[in-house]
N, C-alpha and C. Protein backbone atom coordinates (compact mmCIF):
# COMPACT_ATOMS: atom_id res chain seq x y z
N PRO A 1 3.02 27.41 3.18
CA PRO A 1 3.80 26.18 2.58
C PRO A 1 4.36 25.26 3.61
N GLY A 2 4.52 25.79 4.79
CA GLY A 2 4.68 24.59 5.93
C GLY A 2 3.68 23.54 6.20
N TRP A 3 2.22 24.13 6.27
CA TRP A 3 1.36 23.27 6.29
C TRP A 3 1.15 22.26 5.02
N ALA A 4 1.74 22.82 3.72
CA ALA A 4 1.72 21.80 2.80
C ALA A 4 2.70 20.78 2.67
N VAL A 5 3.69 21.19 3.19
CA VAL A 5 4.82 20.11 3.34
C VAL A 5 4.40 19.01 4.14
N LEU A 6 3.65 19.69 5.67
CA LEU A 6 3.30 18.72 6.64
C LEU A 6 2.29 17.69 5.83
N ALA A 7 1.38 18.30 5.18
CA ALA A 7 0.12 17.36 4.51
C ALA A 7 0.91 16.39 3.76
N ARG A 8 1.71 16.81 2.93
CA ARG A 8 2.20 15.76 1.89
C ARG A 8 3.06 14.72 2.67
N LYS A 9 3.73 15.00 3.85
CA LYS A 9 4.28 13.83 4.56
C LYS A 9 3.21 12.94 5.36
N LYS A 10 2.18 13.41 5.78
CA LYS A 10 1.04 12.98 6.35
C LYS A 10 0.09 11.87 5.43
N ILE A 11 -0.11 12.05 4.33
CA ILE A 11 -0.72 11.57 3.20
C ILE A 11 0.06 10.02 3.13
N LEU A 12 -1.11 8.68 3.13
CA LEU A 12 -0.76 7.66 2.80
C LEU A 12 -0.73 7.66 1.10
N THR A 13 0.36 6.89 0.80
CA THR A 13 0.19 6.36 -0.95
C THR A 13 0.55 5.15 -0.92
N THR A 14 0.39 4.54 -2.38
CA THR A 14 0.52 3.22 -2.62
C THR A 14 2.12 2.84 -2.60
N GLU A 15 2.98 4.13 -2.93
CA GLU A 15 4.37 4.17 -3.18
C GLU A 15 4.76 4.10 -1.73
N LYS A 16 4.27 4.57 -0.52
CA LYS A 16 4.75 4.54 0.67
C LYS A 16 4.56 3.10 1.39
N VAL A 17 3.47 2.58 1.03
CA VAL A 17 2.99 1.46 1.67
C VAL A 17 3.73 0.34 0.78
N PHE A 18 3.95 0.35 -0.34
CA PHE A 18 4.68 -0.70 -0.92
C PHE A 18 6.43 -0.56 -0.70
N ASN A 19 6.84 0.44 0.03
CA ASN A 19 7.96 0.41 0.37
C ASN A 19 8.17 0.17 2.02
N TRP A 20 7.59 -0.03 2.49
CA TRP A 20 7.88 -0.88 3.91
C TRP A 20 8.25 -2.00 4.09
N PRO A 21 8.87 -2.29 5.38
CA PRO A 21 9.62 -3.57 5.24
C PRO A 21 8.81 -4.78 5.05
N SER A 22 9.51 -5.81 4.36
CA SER A 22 8.81 -6.95 3.70
C SER A 22 7.81 -7.68 4.86
N HIS A 23 8.40 -7.71 6.13
CA HIS A 23 7.27 -8.35 7.07
C HIS A 23 5.92 -7.53 7.25
N VAL A 24 5.87 -6.27 7.20
CA VAL A 24 4.69 -5.25 7.06
C VAL A 24 3.88 -5.47 6.06
N LEU A 25 4.66 -5.69 4.68
CA LEU A 25 3.86 -5.78 3.57
C LEU A 25 3.50 -6.90 3.30
N LEU A 26 3.95 -8.26 3.82
CA LEU A 26 3.16 -9.44 3.89
C LEU A 26 1.89 -9.46 4.88
N GLU A 27 1.95 -8.82 5.84
CA GLU A 27 0.95 -8.67 6.80
C GLU A 27 -0.28 -7.84 6.01
N VAL A 28 0.05 -6.78 5.33
CA VAL A 28 -0.93 -6.31 4.56
C VAL A 28 -1.40 -7.08 3.32
N MET A 29 -0.60 -7.42 2.48
CA MET A 29 -0.99 -8.13 1.40
C MET A 29 -1.65 -9.35 1.54
N SER A 30 -1.43 -9.93 2.78
CA SER A 30 -2.19 -11.26 2.95
C SER A 30 -3.53 -11.08 3.12
N ARG A 31 -3.91 -9.92 3.22
CA ARG A 31 -5.44 -9.63 3.47
C ARG A 31 -5.97 -8.79 2.46
N VAL A 32 -5.20 -8.62 1.36
CA VAL A 32 -5.74 -7.91 0.07
C VAL A 32 -6.03 -8.82 -0.93
N PRO A 33 -7.38 -8.87 -1.64
CA PRO A 33 -7.60 -9.68 -2.67
C PRO A 33 -6.70 -9.56 -3.89
N ASP A 34 -6.36 -10.94 -4.42
CA ASP A 34 -5.71 -10.73 -5.55
C ASP A 34 -5.90 -9.39 -6.70
N ARG A 35 -6.97 -9.61 -7.40
CA ARG A 35 -7.33 -8.31 -8.08
C ARG A 35 -7.04 -7.07 -7.37
N THR A 36 -7.49 -6.64 -6.25
CA THR A 36 -7.09 -5.45 -5.74
C THR A 36 -5.51 -5.33 -5.79
N LEU A 37 -4.56 -6.15 -5.42
CA LEU A 37 -3.34 -5.87 -5.39
C LEU A 37 -2.77 -5.78 -6.71
N ALA A 38 -3.21 -6.60 -7.63
CA ALA A 38 -2.85 -6.30 -9.11
C ALA A 38 -3.27 -4.82 -9.86
N LEU A 39 -4.36 -4.61 -9.40
CA LEU A 39 -4.57 -3.34 -9.68
C LEU A 39 -3.77 -1.96 -8.91
N ALA A 40 -3.35 -2.33 -8.04
CA ALA A 40 -2.73 -1.04 -7.02
C ALA A 40 -1.42 -1.17 -7.52
N ILE A 41 -0.73 -2.20 -7.80
CA ILE A 41 0.70 -2.28 -8.34
C ILE A 41 0.98 -1.52 -9.40
N HIS A 42 -0.15 -1.47 -10.23
CA HIS A 42 -0.15 -0.54 -11.37
C HIS A 42 0.60 0.91 -11.15
N THR A 43 0.23 1.24 -9.98
CA THR A 43 0.75 2.75 -9.53
C THR A 43 2.03 2.89 -9.01
N ILE A 44 2.89 1.61 -9.09
CA ILE A 44 4.14 1.65 -8.58
C ILE A 44 5.15 1.35 -9.64
N LYS A 45 6.29 1.58 -9.43
CA LYS A 45 7.46 1.47 -10.42
C LYS A 45 7.78 -0.03 -10.65
N GLU A 46 8.37 -0.30 -11.67
CA GLU A 46 8.30 -1.75 -12.51
C GLU A 46 9.32 -2.41 -11.23
N ASP A 47 10.47 -2.02 -10.94
CA ASP A 47 11.33 -2.69 -10.22
C ASP A 47 10.74 -2.99 -8.83
N ARG A 48 10.12 -1.85 -7.99
CA ARG A 48 9.38 -2.25 -6.91
C ARG A 48 8.18 -3.44 -7.21
N ARG A 49 7.62 -3.07 -8.08
CA ARG A 49 6.55 -4.21 -8.45
C ARG A 49 6.93 -5.65 -8.43
N GLU A 50 8.05 -6.01 -8.87
CA GLU A 50 8.65 -6.92 -9.37
C GLU A 50 8.85 -7.61 -7.94
N ALA A 51 9.81 -6.93 -6.93
CA ALA A 51 10.00 -7.23 -5.74
C ALA A 51 8.88 -7.43 -4.82
N ILE A 52 7.81 -6.68 -4.79
CA ILE A 52 6.51 -7.01 -4.14
C ILE A 52 5.94 -8.42 -4.39
N VAL A 53 5.91 -8.54 -5.65
CA VAL A 53 4.95 -9.87 -6.36
C VAL A 53 6.22 -11.06 -5.81
N SER A 54 7.18 -10.76 -5.71
CA SER A 54 8.09 -11.84 -5.33
C SER A 54 7.97 -12.25 -3.84
N LEU A 55 7.38 -11.14 -3.03
CA LEU A 55 7.43 -11.53 -1.37
C LEU A 55 6.19 -12.43 -1.41
N ILE A 56 5.30 -12.58 -2.13
CA ILE A 56 4.16 -13.67 -1.81
C ILE A 56 4.09 -15.05 -2.59
N PRO A 57 3.47 -15.91 -1.82
CA PRO A 57 3.76 -17.34 -2.17
C PRO A 57 3.55 -17.41 -3.84
N HIS A 58 4.25 -18.32 -4.51
CA HIS A 58 4.43 -18.55 -5.98
C HIS A 58 2.95 -18.68 -6.77
N ILE A 59 2.19 -19.51 -6.24
CA ILE A 59 0.97 -19.80 -7.05
C ILE A 59 0.12 -18.23 -6.95
N ARG A 60 0.17 -17.58 -5.66
CA ARG A 60 -0.56 -16.36 -5.57
C ARG A 60 0.07 -15.52 -6.38
N GLY A 61 1.32 -15.52 -6.38
CA GLY A 61 2.20 -14.38 -7.43
C GLY A 61 1.78 -14.59 -8.76
N ARG A 62 1.91 -15.79 -8.99
CA ARG A 62 1.50 -15.90 -10.59
C ARG A 62 -0.01 -15.47 -10.88
N ASN A 63 -0.95 -15.89 -9.91
CA ASN A 63 -2.20 -15.43 -10.31
C ASN A 63 -2.39 -13.54 -10.10
N VAL A 64 -1.42 -13.26 -9.46
CA VAL A 64 -1.44 -11.61 -9.49
C VAL A 64 -0.84 -11.19 -10.81
N ARG A 65 0.16 -11.49 -11.12
CA ARG A 65 0.94 -11.61 -12.60
C ARG A 65 0.14 -11.38 -13.55
N SER A 66 -0.66 -12.78 -13.54
CA SER A 66 -1.91 -12.71 -14.63
C SER A 66 -2.90 -11.68 -14.51
N LEU A 67 -3.19 -11.09 -13.29
CA LEU A 67 -4.37 -10.41 -13.32
C LEU A 67 -3.72 -8.93 -13.88
N TYR A 68 -2.68 -8.85 -13.39
CA TYR A 68 -1.84 -7.57 -13.71
C TYR A 68 -1.58 -7.18 -15.54
N ASP A 69 -1.46 -8.70 -16.09
CA ASP A 69 -0.99 -8.44 -17.36
C ASP A 69 -2.46 -8.37 -18.15
N GLU A 70 -3.58 -8.73 -17.45
CA GLU A 70 -4.69 -8.96 -18.31
C GLU A 70 -5.25 -7.76 -18.94
N LYS A 71 -5.13 -6.52 -18.35
CA LYS A 71 -5.45 -5.24 -19.13
C LYS A 71 -5.05 -4.12 -18.12
N ILE A 72 -4.68 -2.88 -18.76
CA ILE A 72 -4.44 -1.89 -18.09
C ILE A 72 -5.53 -1.13 -17.62
N PRO A 73 -5.47 -1.00 -16.16
CA PRO A 73 -6.62 -0.40 -15.51
C PRO A 73 -7.00 0.91 -15.78
N SER A 74 -8.09 1.47 -15.73
CA SER A 74 -8.28 2.87 -16.00
C SER A 74 -7.46 3.67 -14.61
N ASN A 75 -7.62 4.86 -14.59
CA ASN A 75 -7.12 5.69 -13.25
C ASN A 75 -7.96 5.57 -11.97
N ALA A 76 -9.19 5.40 -12.12
CA ALA A 76 -10.60 5.19 -11.32
C ALA A 76 -10.40 3.75 -10.83
N GLU A 77 -9.93 2.69 -11.63
CA GLU A 77 -9.78 1.48 -11.01
C GLU A 77 -8.54 1.33 -10.09
N GLN A 78 -7.46 1.98 -10.40
CA GLN A 78 -6.26 2.07 -9.47
C GLN A 78 -6.73 2.71 -8.49
N HIS A 79 -7.24 3.93 -8.57
CA HIS A 79 -7.41 4.97 -7.32
C HIS A 79 -8.31 3.92 -6.47
N ALA A 80 -9.30 3.12 -6.90
CA ALA A 80 -10.27 2.52 -6.05
C ALA A 80 -9.48 1.23 -5.29
N ALA A 81 -8.41 0.63 -6.08
CA ALA A 81 -7.70 -0.37 -5.48
C ALA A 81 -7.01 0.53 -4.46
N SER A 82 -6.41 1.28 -4.54
CA SER A 82 -5.12 1.95 -3.60
C SER A 82 -6.22 2.48 -2.30
N ILE A 83 -7.32 2.92 -2.40
CA ILE A 83 -8.39 3.41 -1.43
C ILE A 83 -8.55 1.99 -0.45
N LYS A 84 -8.81 0.96 -1.33
CA LYS A 84 -9.14 -0.50 -0.45
C LYS A 84 -7.70 -0.59 0.60
N ILE A 85 -6.69 -0.29 -0.12
CA ILE A 85 -5.52 -1.23 0.72
C ILE A 85 -5.60 0.20 1.81
N PHE A 86 -5.41 1.53 1.64
CA PHE A 86 -5.53 2.28 2.68
C PHE A 86 -6.31 1.92 3.83
N LYS A 87 -7.71 1.39 3.48
CA LYS A 87 -8.55 1.35 4.32
C LYS A 87 -8.24 0.25 5.29
N LEU A 88 -7.55 -1.01 4.61
CA LEU A 88 -7.22 -2.02 5.42
C LEU A 88 -5.90 -1.77 6.33
N VAL A 89 -4.93 -0.72 5.74
CA VAL A 89 -4.06 -0.11 6.78
C VAL A 89 -4.63 0.25 7.56
N ARG A 90 -5.35 1.21 7.70
CA ARG A 90 -6.03 2.01 8.67
C ARG A 90 -6.93 1.11 9.63
N ASP A 91 -7.56 0.03 8.99
CA ASP A 91 -8.37 -0.95 9.99
C ASP A 91 -7.16 -1.84 10.81
N LEU A 92 -6.16 -2.31 10.19
CA LEU A 92 -5.00 -2.76 10.94
C LEU A 92 -4.65 -2.21 11.89
N GLU A 93 -4.31 -1.07 12.02
CA GLU A 93 -3.65 -0.09 12.49
C GLU A 93 -4.82 0.25 13.72
N HIS A 94 -5.88 0.31 13.79
CA HIS A 94 -7.07 0.57 14.34
C HIS A 94 -7.15 -0.69 15.39
N ASP A 95 -6.82 -1.81 14.82
CA ASP A 95 -7.20 -3.18 15.61
C ASP A 95 -5.85 -3.40 16.40
N GLY A 96 -4.69 -2.68 16.19
CA GLY A 96 -3.58 -2.79 16.81
C GLY A 96 -2.82 -3.87 16.09
N LEU A 97 -3.04 -4.35 14.99
CA LEU A 97 -2.25 -5.30 14.16
C LEU A 97 -0.88 -4.43 13.62
N LEU A 98 -1.07 -3.22 13.29
CA LEU A 98 0.10 -2.57 12.49
C LEU A 98 0.31 -1.38 13.49
N LYS A 99 1.18 -0.95 13.62
CA LYS A 99 1.94 0.45 14.34
C LYS A 99 2.46 1.54 13.21
N ILE A 100 1.72 2.37 12.77
CA ILE A 100 2.25 2.90 11.75
C ILE A 100 3.27 3.95 12.23
N SER A 101 2.99 4.58 13.37
CA SER A 101 4.37 5.22 14.28
C SER A 101 5.51 4.75 14.32
N LEU A 102 5.46 3.39 13.99
CA LEU A 102 6.79 2.38 14.15
C LEU A 102 7.33 2.37 12.67
N ILE A 103 6.28 2.00 11.73
CA ILE A 103 6.54 1.78 10.47
C ILE A 103 7.12 2.99 9.85
N ASP A 104 6.37 3.85 9.91
CA ASP A 104 6.88 5.24 8.96
C ASP A 104 6.15 6.43 9.98
N PRO A 105 7.14 6.77 10.80
CA PRO A 105 6.67 7.95 11.92
C PRO A 105 6.19 8.89 11.09
N ASN A 106 6.59 9.36 9.95
CA ASN A 106 6.04 10.88 9.14
C ASN A 106 4.18 10.48 9.12
N LEU A 107 3.85 9.46 9.01
CA LEU A 107 2.22 9.19 8.79
C LEU A 107 1.67 9.21 9.98
N ASP A 108 2.36 9.15 11.41
CA ASP A 108 1.53 9.13 12.65
C ASP A 108 0.85 10.65 12.67
N LEU A 109 -0.76 10.38 12.86
CA LEU A 109 -1.44 11.30 12.65
C LEU A 109 -1.54 11.77 14.20
N ARG A 110 -1.15 11.47 15.22
CA ARG A 110 -0.78 12.16 16.70
C ARG A 110 0.26 13.07 16.62
N ASP A 111 0.72 13.57 15.66
CA ASP A 111 1.91 14.30 15.66
C ASP A 111 1.40 15.67 16.47
N LYS A 112 2.49 16.17 17.06
CA LYS A 112 1.84 17.48 18.08
C LYS A 112 1.66 18.47 17.20
N LEU A 113 2.52 18.52 15.82
CA LEU A 113 2.52 19.63 14.90
C LEU A 113 0.80 19.75 14.16
N ILE A 114 0.16 18.58 14.27
CA ILE A 114 -1.05 18.55 13.78
C ILE A 114 -2.12 19.11 14.97
N ALA A 115 -1.81 18.88 16.12
CA ALA A 115 -2.81 19.04 17.03
C ALA A 115 -2.70 20.64 17.50
């Protein structure tokens, strides 16, 4: 049971990413294609979705909203978009542009309990 709780804390989810501080979100979202972002925001709650879209520039936000409203994506499409965002986050961390240990210490994989 202890390992299960620890594993849940370490799993990166769209809910966790989209609840990061706005300056971090902007860094991530600036590198995510509009369609991927539109698919990924289907996985989060409506109030948070609007807050996220309002962070990006107006024209891009309008495009993301349009893509979002275009159709209801399948679970596979939503999952694929989420994975693309997770890969981007891990790449940004690897390149030193994000410090996950500072953003969300629970996601830090260098935790002594894991090793």
